[in-house]
Amino acid sequence: MNKRLLGIFIAVAVAVVVIVVCCVMFLTGSVEVRTAGNLALDDGTVNAIILQSGISKGDSIFAIDESAATASVEKANPTLQVVDIERKFPNKVVIYIAERTPLMAIALEPSGNGETKYAVVDGDLKILDVVPVDGTAGLTTISNFTLAGDEESVGSFVTEKSAWLKGIVEGAKKVSFVESRFTSFVKDVRYGQTRVYVTTNTGVTFVLRNVEDADDMFVGAYTYYNTLTSEDQRRGGYIYLADIGWAWSETDVA
């Protein structure tokens, strides 16, 4: 055997050995669930999450479909969020779970018995639960806007002409209103064809044009709100975008 053929043979043999070793080393040996914050999950829920993820021992950690695993877990657990799926080489997988924070209550279209129920929605506009009116305490109310659906809507996302609502939530995030800070500041959001009214828990109302840049509108109104030195203005009236910039008015500018 000449040197060239010997070199090729050795290279192929080394490649085969590496592939075999990798196939053995990088097979999933354990799947772990870790939680964020004060979230605690019992063993039954943890085992169910691992099963729902579709990640099994013996599978290659390179073959994990993170998107599919996330979708499956979140569909089965509407109040939970898969924050990350991490591969810890050589053979460990960790699923990071956080609890979704309910922020808003949106009325569902009346059912046959006339009872109005409400969709409990988080910052991603995901429906976490469907509850009667007494289950909406402490949540921001979305008024003059209803959703079609029932209890089967749990786990789905609000998509019915809701870009304006998503914009308000994104605007709130831009000024660091995350999770409970949103509900502690925003009391009610009233939908209108040309304007959206965001009433705060202090009493003043932001008048936002119902446009695609609702996030920037919210940031502008809140920034102006922080410049107000009069407690009377903070406790009532309307903040709106005038020709010369943001302003305060005692009465609605519509």
C-alpha atoms as a PDB file:
ATOM      1  CA  MET A   1       0.000   0.000   0.000  1.00  0.00           C
ATOM      2  CA  ASN A   2       1.534   3.297  -1.050  1.00  0.00           C
ATOM      3  CA  LYS A   3       1.760   6.250   1.308  1.00  0.00           C
ATOM      4  CA  ARG A   4      -1.112   8.133  -0.337  1.00  0.00           C
ATOM      5  CA  LEU A   5      -3.585   5.264   0.059  1.00  0.00           C
ATOM      6  CA  LEU A   6      -2.362   4.700   3.605  1.00  0.00           C
ATOM      7  CA  GLY A   7      -2.963   8.363   4.419  1.00  0.00           C
ATOM      8  CA  ILE A   8      -6.493   8.197   2.983  1.00  0.00           C
ATOM      9  CA  PHE A   9      -7.213   5.019   4.928  1.00  0.00           C
ATOM     10  CA  ILE A  10      -6.008   6.573   8.182  1.00  0.00           C
ATOM     11  CA  ALA A  11      -8.045   9.746   7.585  1.00  0.00           C
ATOM     12  CA  VAL A  12     -11.209   7.756   6.902  1.00  0.00           C
ATOM     13  CA  ALA A  13     -10.607   5.580   9.952  1.00  0.00           C
ATOM     14  CA  VAL A  14     -10.117   8.649  12.169  1.00  0.00           C
ATOM     15  CA  ALA A  15     -13.285  10.244  10.769  1.00  0.00           C
ATOM     16  CA  VAL A  16     -15.286   7.095  11.458  1.00  0.00           C
ATOM     17  CA  VAL A  17     -13.961   6.922  15.011  1.00  0.00           C
ATOM     18  CA  VAL A  18     -14.815  10.592  15.605  1.00  0.00           C
ATOM     19  CA  ILE A  19     -18.331  10.140  14.237  1.00  0.00           C
ATOM     20  CA  VAL A  20     -18.921   7.067  16.369  1.00  0.00           C
ATOM     21  CA  VAL A  21     -17.575   8.772  19.492  1.00  0.00           C
ATOM     22  CA  CYS A  22     -19.687  11.853  18.836  1.00  0.00           C
ATOM     23  CA  CYS A  23     -22.796   9.773  18.267  1.00  0.00           C
ATOM     24  CA  VAL A  24     -22.242   8.089  21.618  1.00  0.00           C
ATOM     25  CA  MET A  25     -21.089  11.137  23.595  1.00  0.00           C
ATOM     26  CA  PHE A  26     -23.768  13.555  22.382  1.00  0.00           C
ATOM     27  CA  LEU A  27     -26.800  11.392  22.959  1.00  0.00           C
ATOM     28  CA  THR A  28     -29.196  12.964  25.443  1.00  0.00           C
ATOM     29  CA  GLY A  29     -28.481  11.410  28.806  1.00  0.00           C
ATOM     30  CA  SER A  30     -30.740  13.588  30.958  1.00  0.00           C
ATOM     31  CA  VAL A  31     -33.449  16.216  30.562  1.00  0.00           C
ATOM     32  CA  GLU A  32     -33.909  18.732  33.367  1.00  0.00           C
ATOM     33  CA  VAL A  33     -36.511  21.431  34.025  1.00  0.00           C
ATOM     34  CA  ARG A  34     -35.485  24.618  35.825  1.00  0.00           C
ATOM     35  CA  THR A  35     -37.819  27.425  36.840  1.00  0.00           C
ATOM     36  CA  ALA A  36     -37.429  31.187  37.104  1.00  0.00           C
ATOM     37  CA  GLY A  37     -38.466  33.448  39.959  1.00  0.00           C
ATOM     38  CA  ASN A  38     -40.679  31.955  42.643  1.00  0.00           C
ATOM     39  CA  LEU A  39     -42.247  29.389  40.329  1.00  0.00           C
ATOM     40  CA  ALA A  40     -42.339  25.909  41.856  1.00  0.00           C
ATOM     41  CA  LEU A  41     -43.431  22.835  39.932  1.00  0.00           C
ATOM     42  CA  ASP A  42     -44.257  19.463  41.423  1.00  0.00           C
ATOM     43  CA  ASP A  43     -42.601  16.304  40.135  1.00  0.00           C
ATOM     44  CA  GLY A  44     -45.670  15.326  38.144  1.00  0.00           C
ATOM     45  CA  THR A  45     -45.691  18.611  36.237  1.00  0.00           C
ATOM     46  CA  VAL A  46     -41.936  18.440  35.618  1.00  0.00           C
ATOM     47  CA  ASN A  47     -42.216  14.930  34.214  1.00  0.00           C
ATOM     48  CA  ALA A  48     -45.164  15.978  32.061  1.00  0.00           C
ATOM     49  CA  ILE A  49     -43.200  18.934  30.637  1.00  0.00           C
ATOM     50  CA  ILE A  50     -40.300  16.670  29.704  1.00  0.00           C
ATOM     51  CA  LEU A  51     -42.703  14.269  28.011  1.00  0.00           C
ATOM     52  CA  GLN A  52     -44.527  17.103  26.211  1.00  0.00           C
ATOM     53  CA  SER A  53     -41.246  18.517  24.918  1.00  0.00           C
ATOM     54  CA  GLY A  54     -40.610  15.339  22.931  1.00  0.00           C
ATOM     55  CA  ILE A  55     -36.977  15.359  24.067  1.00  0.00           C
ATOM     56  CA  SER A  56     -36.051  11.804  24.976  1.00  0.00           C
ATOM     57  CA  LYS A  57     -33.001  10.140  26.422  1.00  0.00           C
ATOM     58  CA  GLY A  58     -30.905   8.561  23.716  1.00  0.00           C
ATOM     59  CA  ASP A  59     -31.727  11.201  21.107  1.00  0.00           C
ATOM     60  CA  SER A  60     -28.918  13.268  19.630  1.00  0.00           C
ATOM     61  CA  ILE A  61     -28.810  16.667  21.301  1.00  0.00           C
ATOM     62  CA  PHE A  62     -28.095  18.144  17.873  1.00  0.00           C
ATOM     63  CA  ALA A  63     -31.431  16.878  16.550  1.00  0.00           C
ATOM     64  CA  ILE A  64     -33.611  18.673  19.108  1.00  0.00           C
ATOM     65  CA  ASP A  65     -36.324  20.814  17.500  1.00  0.00           C
ATOM     66  CA  GLU A  66     -36.515  23.681  20.001  1.00  0.00           C
ATOM     67  CA  SER A  67     -39.439  25.405  18.284  1.00  0.00           C
ATOM     68  CA  ALA A  68     -41.548  22.262  18.250  1.00  0.00           C
ATOM     69  CA  ALA A  69     -40.657  21.445  21.858  1.00  0.00           C
ATOM     70  CA  THR A  70     -41.537  24.970  22.990  1.00  0.00           C
ATOM     71  CA  ALA A  71     -44.842  25.000  21.128  1.00  0.00           C
ATOM     72  CA  SER A  72     -45.836  21.620  22.528  1.00  0.00           C
ATOM     73  CA  VAL A  73     -45.035  22.508  26.146  1.00  0.00           C
ATOM     74  CA  GLU A  74     -46.732  25.910  25.973  1.00  0.00           C
ATOM     75  CA  LYS A  75     -49.843  24.492  24.321  1.00  0.00           C
ATOM     76  CA  ALA A  76     -50.244  21.989  27.140  1.00  0.00           C
ATOM     77  CA  ASN A  77     -49.453  24.604  29.819  1.00  0.00           C
ATOM     78  CA  PRO A  78     -51.028  27.972  28.872  1.00  0.00           C
ATOM     79  CA  THR A  79     -49.776  29.752  31.999  1.00  0.00           C
ATOM     80  CA  LEU A  80     -46.163  28.698  31.486  1.00  0.00           C
ATOM     81  CA  GLN A  81     -43.511  29.999  29.111  1.00  0.00           C
ATOM     82  CA  VAL A  82     -40.469  28.163  27.796  1.00  0.00           C
ATOM     83  CA  VAL A  83     -37.743  30.767  28.197  1.00  0.00           C
ATOM     84  CA  ASP A  84     -34.946  28.675  26.725  1.00  0.00           C
ATOM     85  CA  ILE A  85     -33.869  25.146  25.871  1.00  0.00           C
ATOM     86  CA  GLU A  86     -30.166  24.761  26.543  1.00  0.00           C
ATOM     87  CA  ARG A  87     -27.841  21.996  25.458  1.00  0.00           C
ATOM     88  CA  LYS A  88     -25.206  21.337  28.086  1.00  0.00           C
ATOM     89  CA  PHE A  89     -22.529  19.314  26.354  1.00  0.00           C
ATOM     90  CA  PRO A  90     -21.925  16.525  26.102  1.00  0.00           C
ATOM     91  CA  ASN A  91     -25.305  14.973  26.901  1.00  0.00           C
ATOM     92  CA  LYS A  92     -27.597  17.150  29.043  1.00  0.00           C
ATOM     93  CA  VAL A  93     -30.616  19.256  28.068  1.00  0.00           C
ATOM     94  CA  VAL A  94     -32.176  21.898  30.331  1.00  0.00           C
ATOM     95  CA  ILE A  95     -35.642  23.382  29.745  1.00  0.00           C
ATOM     96  CA  TYR A  96     -36.083  26.762  31.442  1.00  0.00           C
ATOM     97  CA  ILE A  97     -39.650  27.565  32.462  1.00  0.00           C
ATOM     98  CA  ALA A  98     -41.207  30.818  33.667  1.00  0.00           C
ATOM     99  CA  GLU A  99     -44.730  31.672  34.736  1.00  0.00           C
ATOM    100  CA  ARG A 100     -46.717  34.014  32.531  1.00  0.00           C
ATOM    101  CA  THR A 101     -48.095  37.103  34.255  1.00  0.00           C
ATOM    102  CA  PRO A 102     -51.778  37.926  33.663  1.00  0.00           C
ATOM    103  CA  LEU A 103     -52.156  41.590  32.728  1.00  0.00           C
ATOM    104  CA  MET A 104     -55.449  42.259  30.988  1.00  0.00           C
ATOM    105  CA  ALA A 105     -59.075  41.159  30.923  1.00  0.00           C
ATOM    106  CA  ILE A 106     -60.911  41.241  27.584  1.00  0.00           C
ATOM    107  CA  ALA A 107     -64.613  40.458  27.356  1.00  0.00           C
ATOM    108  CA  LEU A 108     -65.662  37.560  25.172  1.00  0.00           C
ATOM    109  CA  GLU A 109     -68.703  37.898  22.975  1.00  0.00           C
ATOM    110  CA  PRO A 110     -71.823  36.954  24.999  1.00  0.00           C
ATOM    111  CA  SER A 111     -72.661  33.260  25.042  1.00  0.00           C
ATOM    112  CA  GLY A 112     -76.103  31.750  24.604  1.00  0.00           C
ATOM    113  CA  ASN A 113     -76.930  32.083  28.314  1.00  0.00           C
ATOM    114  CA  GLY A 114     -76.120  35.795  28.267  1.00  0.00           C
ATOM    115  CA  GLU A 115     -73.240  35.521  30.740  1.00  0.00           C
ATOM    116  CA  THR A 116     -70.196  37.580  29.868  1.00  0.00           C
ATOM    117  CA  LYS A 117     -66.862  35.921  30.441  1.00  0.00           C
ATOM    118  CA  TYR A 118     -63.412  37.396  30.126  1.00  0.00           C
ATOM    119  CA  ALA A 119     -60.172  36.258  28.562  1.00  0.00           C
ATOM    120  CA  VAL A 120     -57.204  36.755  30.874  1.00  0.00           C
ATOM    121  CA  VAL A 121     -54.285  37.847  28.694  1.00  0.00           C
ATOM    122  CA  ASP A 122     -50.553  38.339  29.286  1.00  0.00           C
ATOM    123  CA  GLY A 123     -48.039  40.692  27.671  1.00  0.00           C
ATOM    124  CA  ASP A 124     -47.682  38.463  24.624  1.00  0.00           C
ATOM    125  CA  LEU A 125     -51.475  38.649  24.189  1.00  0.00           C
ATOM    126  CA  LYS A 126     -51.750  34.972  25.018  1.00  0.00           C
ATOM    127  CA  ILE A 127     -55.032  33.854  26.577  1.00  0.00           C
ATOM    128  CA  LEU A 128     -54.150  32.234  29.901  1.00  0.00           C
ATOM    129  CA  ASP A 129     -57.637  31.616  31.234  1.00  0.00           C
ATOM    130  CA  VAL A 130     -61.329  32.386  30.754  1.00  0.00           C
ATOM    131  CA  VAL A 131     -63.063  33.669  33.889  1.00  0.00           C
ATOM    132  CA  PRO A 132     -66.285  35.342  35.063  1.00  0.00           C
ATOM    133  CA  VAL A 133     -66.201  39.033  35.928  1.00  0.00           C
ATOM    134  CA  ASP A 134     -65.187  38.378  39.529  1.00  0.00           C
ATOM    135  CA  GLY A 135     -61.999  36.760  38.257  1.00  0.00           C
ATOM    136  CA  THR A 136     -60.766  39.984  36.658  1.00  0.00           C
ATOM    137  CA  ALA A 137     -59.929  41.863  39.860  1.00  0.00           C
ATOM    138  CA  GLY A 138     -56.548  43.570  39.703  1.00  0.00           C
ATOM    139  CA  LEU A 139     -56.256  43.274  35.924  1.00  0.00           C
ATOM    140  CA  THR A 140     -56.269  46.055  33.346  1.00  0.00           C
ATOM    141  CA  THR A 141     -59.670  46.123  31.662  1.00  0.00           C
ATOM    142  CA  ILE A 142     -59.914  46.342  27.871  1.00  0.00           C
ATOM    143  CA  SER A 143     -63.261  47.956  27.080  1.00  0.00           C
ATOM    144  CA  ASN A 144     -65.305  48.594  23.935  1.00  0.00           C
ATOM    145  CA  PHE A 145     -63.568  45.578  22.393  1.00  0.00           C
ATOM    146  CA  THR A 146     -64.618  41.930  22.510  1.00  0.00           C
ATOM    147  CA  LEU A 147     -63.195  38.625  21.374  1.00  0.00           C
ATOM    148  CA  ALA A 148     -64.927  35.689  19.747  1.00  0.00           C
ATOM    149  CA  GLY A 149     -64.343  32.439  21.575  1.00  0.00           C
ATOM    150  CA  ASP A 150     -64.878  30.491  24.777  1.00  0.00           C
ATOM    151  CA  GLU A 151     -62.910  28.283  27.164  1.00  0.00           C
ATOM    152  CA  GLU A 152     -61.365  26.537  24.176  1.00  0.00           C
ATOM    153  CA  SER A 153     -59.547  29.797  23.375  1.00  0.00           C
ATOM    154  CA  VAL A 154     -57.184  29.235  26.303  1.00  0.00           C
ATOM    155  CA  GLY A 155     -53.651  28.822  24.988  1.00  0.00           C
ATOM    156  CA  SER A 156     -54.264  30.807  21.800  1.00  0.00           C
ATOM    157  CA  PHE A 157     -53.216  34.382  21.056  1.00  0.00           C
ATOM    158  CA  VAL A 158     -55.350  37.469  20.551  1.00  0.00           C
ATOM    159  CA  THR A 159     -55.160  38.321  16.859  1.00  0.00           C
ATOM    160  CA  GLU A 160     -58.457  40.056  16.064  1.00  0.00           C
ATOM    161  CA  LYS A 161     -57.366  43.524  14.916  1.00  0.00           C
ATOM    162  CA  SER A 162     -55.223  43.831  18.018  1.00  0.00           C
ATOM    163  CA  ALA A 163     -52.085  45.543  16.669  1.00  0.00           C
ATOM    164  CA  TRP A 164     -53.053  48.651  18.646  1.00  0.00           C
ATOM    165  CA  LEU A 165     -53.174  46.666  21.894  1.00  0.00           C
ATOM    166  CA  LYS A 166     -49.859  44.972  21.198  1.00  0.00           C
ATOM    167  CA  GLY A 167     -48.423  48.429  20.535  1.00  0.00           C
ATOM    168  CA  ILE A 168     -49.575  49.723  23.911  1.00  0.00           C
ATOM    169  CA  VAL A 169     -48.024  46.747  25.689  1.00  0.00           C
ATOM    170  CA  GLU A 170     -44.767  47.233  23.774  1.00  0.00           C
ATOM    171  CA  GLY A 171     -44.799  50.939  24.619  1.00  0.00           C
ATOM    172  CA  ALA A 172     -45.274  50.095  28.278  1.00  0.00           C
ATOM    173  CA  LYS A 173     -42.273  47.754  28.098  1.00  0.00           C
ATOM    174  CA  LYS A 174     -40.186  50.576  26.634  1.00  0.00           C
ATOM    175  CA  VAL A 175     -40.782  52.609  29.810  1.00  0.00           C
ATOM    176  CA  SER A 176     -40.058  49.557  31.991  1.00  0.00           C
ATOM    177  CA  PHE A 177     -43.656  48.600  32.728  1.00  0.00           C
ATOM    178  CA  VAL A 178     -43.058  44.882  32.911  1.00  0.00           C
ATOM    179  CA  GLU A 179     -45.443  42.392  34.436  1.00  0.00           C
ATOM    180  CA  SER A 180     -47.227  43.817  37.513  1.00  0.00           C
ATOM    181  CA  ARG A 181     -46.069  47.382  36.837  1.00  0.00           C
ATOM    182  CA  PHE A 182     -48.431  47.471  33.866  1.00  0.00           C
ATOM    183  CA  THR A 183     -51.517  46.633  35.904  1.00  0.00           C
ATOM    184  CA  SER A 184     -50.491  48.941  38.728  1.00  0.00           C
ATOM    185  CA  PHE A 185     -50.399  51.924  36.347  1.00  0.00           C
ATOM    186  CA  VAL A 186     -52.923  51.172  33.589  1.00  0.00           C
ATOM    187  CA  LYS A 187     -56.490  50.814  34.850  1.00  0.00           C
ATOM    188  CA  ASP A 188     -58.433  50.645  31.605  1.00  0.00           C
ATOM    189  CA  VAL A 189     -57.817  50.731  27.858  1.00  0.00           C
ATOM    190  CA  ARG A 190     -60.830  51.787  25.799  1.00  0.00           C
ATOM    191  CA  TYR A 191     -60.743  51.009  22.111  1.00  0.00           C
ATOM    192  CA  GLY A 192     -62.001  53.491  19.526  1.00  0.00           C
ATOM    193  CA  GLN A 193     -61.935  53.624  15.746  1.00  0.00           C
ATOM    194  CA  THR A 194     -59.702  56.693  15.663  1.00  0.00           C
ATOM    195  CA  ARG A 195     -58.388  56.891  19.223  1.00  0.00           C
ATOM    196  CA  VAL A 196     -57.502  54.619  22.097  1.00  0.00           C
ATOM    197  CA  TYR A 197     -57.984  55.904  25.642  1.00  0.00           C
ATOM    198  CA  VAL A 198     -55.563  54.627  28.277  1.00  0.00           C
ATOM    199  CA  THR A 199     -56.823  55.554  31.731  1.00  0.00           C
ATOM    200  CA  THR A 200     -54.276  55.355  34.502  1.00  0.00           C
ATOM    201  CA  ASN A 201     -54.841  54.400  38.119  1.00  0.00           C
ATOM    202  CA  THR A 202     -53.924  57.956  39.105  1.00  0.00           C
ATOM    203  CA  GLY A 203     -56.881  59.239  37.084  1.00  0.00           C
ATOM    204  CA  VAL A 204     -55.456  60.929  33.984  1.00  0.00           C
ATOM    205  CA  THR A 205     -56.149  59.460  30.536  1.00  0.00           C
ATOM    206  CA  PHE A 206     -53.715  59.136  27.631  1.00  0.00           C
ATOM    207  CA  VAL A 207     -55.390  59.807  24.292  1.00  0.00           C
ATOM    208  CA  LEU A 208     -53.560  57.769  21.655  1.00  0.00           C
ATOM    209  CA  ARG A 209     -54.273  57.847  17.980  1.00  0.00           C
ATOM    210  CA  ASN A 210     -55.218  54.381  16.781  1.00  0.00           C
ATOM    211  CA  VAL A 211     -52.200  53.993  14.527  1.00  0.00           C
ATOM    212  CA  GLU A 212     -49.438  51.492  13.961  1.00  0.00           C
ATOM    213  CA  ASP A 213     -47.011  53.388  16.185  1.00  0.00           C
ATOM    214  CA  ALA A 214     -49.141  53.038  19.329  1.00  0.00           C
ATOM    215  CA  ASP A 215     -45.985  52.005  21.198  1.00  0.00           C
ATOM    216  CA  ASP A 216     -44.290  55.341  20.526  1.00  0.00           C
ATOM    217  CA  MET A 217     -47.538  57.169  21.289  1.00  0.00           C
ATOM    218  CA  PHE A 218     -47.659  55.520  24.708  1.00  0.00           C
ATOM    219  CA  VAL A 219     -44.021  56.397  25.385  1.00  0.00           C
ATOM    220  CA  GLY A 220     -44.648  60.019  24.386  1.00  0.00           C
ATOM    221  CA  ALA A 221     -47.739  60.343  26.576  1.00  0.00           C
ATOM    222  CA  TYR A 222     -46.029  58.737  29.563  1.00  0.00           C
ATOM    223  CA  THR A 223     -42.925  60.879  29.138  1.00  0.00           C
ATOM    224  CA  TYR A 224     -45.121  63.996  29.155  1.00  0.00           C
ATOM    225  CA  TYR A 225     -47.027  62.657  32.174  1.00  0.00           C
ATOM    226  CA  ASN A 226     -43.762  62.566  34.109  1.00  0.00           C
ATOM    227  CA  THR A 227     -43.236  66.278  33.435  1.00  0.00           C
ATOM    228  CA  LEU A 228     -46.518  67.246  35.096  1.00  0.00           C
ATOM    229  CA  THR A 229     -45.989  68.970  38.420  1.00  0.00           C
ATOM    230  CA  SER A 230     -49.654  69.558  39.184  1.00  0.00           C
ATOM    231  CA  GLU A 231     -51.251  66.703  41.113  1.00  0.00           C
ATOM    232  CA  ASP A 232     -54.633  67.800  39.766  1.00  0.00           C
ATOM    233  CA  GLN A 233     -53.417  67.150  36.222  1.00  0.00           C
ATOM    234  CA  ARG A 234     -52.085  63.747  37.188  1.00  0.00           C
ATOM    235  CA  ARG A 235     -55.416  62.846  38.778  1.00  0.00           C
ATOM    236  CA  GLY A 236     -57.682  63.746  35.898  1.00  0.00           C
ATOM    237  CA  GLY A 237     -58.031  65.193  32.439  1.00  0.00           C
ATOM    238  CA  TYR A 238     -56.470  64.036  29.188  1.00  0.00           C
ATOM    239  CA  ILE A 239     -52.950  63.908  27.769  1.00  0.00           C
ATOM    240  CA  TYR A 240     -52.966  64.173  23.985  1.00  0.00           C
ATOM    241  CA  LEU A 241     -50.679  64.943  21.045  1.00  0.00           C
ATOM    242  CA  ALA A 242     -51.307  68.488  19.822  1.00  0.00           C
ATOM    243  CA  ASP A 243     -49.756  70.229  16.823  1.00  0.00           C
ATOM    244  CA  ILE A 244     -47.032  71.647  19.067  1.00  0.00           C
ATOM    245  CA  GLY A 245     -46.422  68.413  20.961  1.00  0.00           C
ATOM    246  CA  TRP A 246     -47.913  66.624  23.949  1.00  0.00           C
ATOM    247  CA  ALA A 247     -50.322  68.609  26.084  1.00  0.00           C
ATOM    248  CA  TRP A 248     -52.875  68.292  28.899  1.00  0.00           C
ATOM    249  CA  SER A 249     -56.557  69.174  28.671  1.00  0.00           C
ATOM    250  CA  GLU A 250     -59.260  69.156  31.308  1.00  0.00           C
ATOM    251  CA  THR A 251     -61.772  67.769  28.793  1.00  0.00           C
ATOM    252  CA  ASP A 252     -61.641  65.181  26.021  1.00  0.00           C
ATOM    253  CA  VAL A 253     -60.096  66.529  22.820  1.00  0.00           C
ATOM    254  CA  ALA A 254     -62.135  64.277  20.508  1.00  0.00           C
END
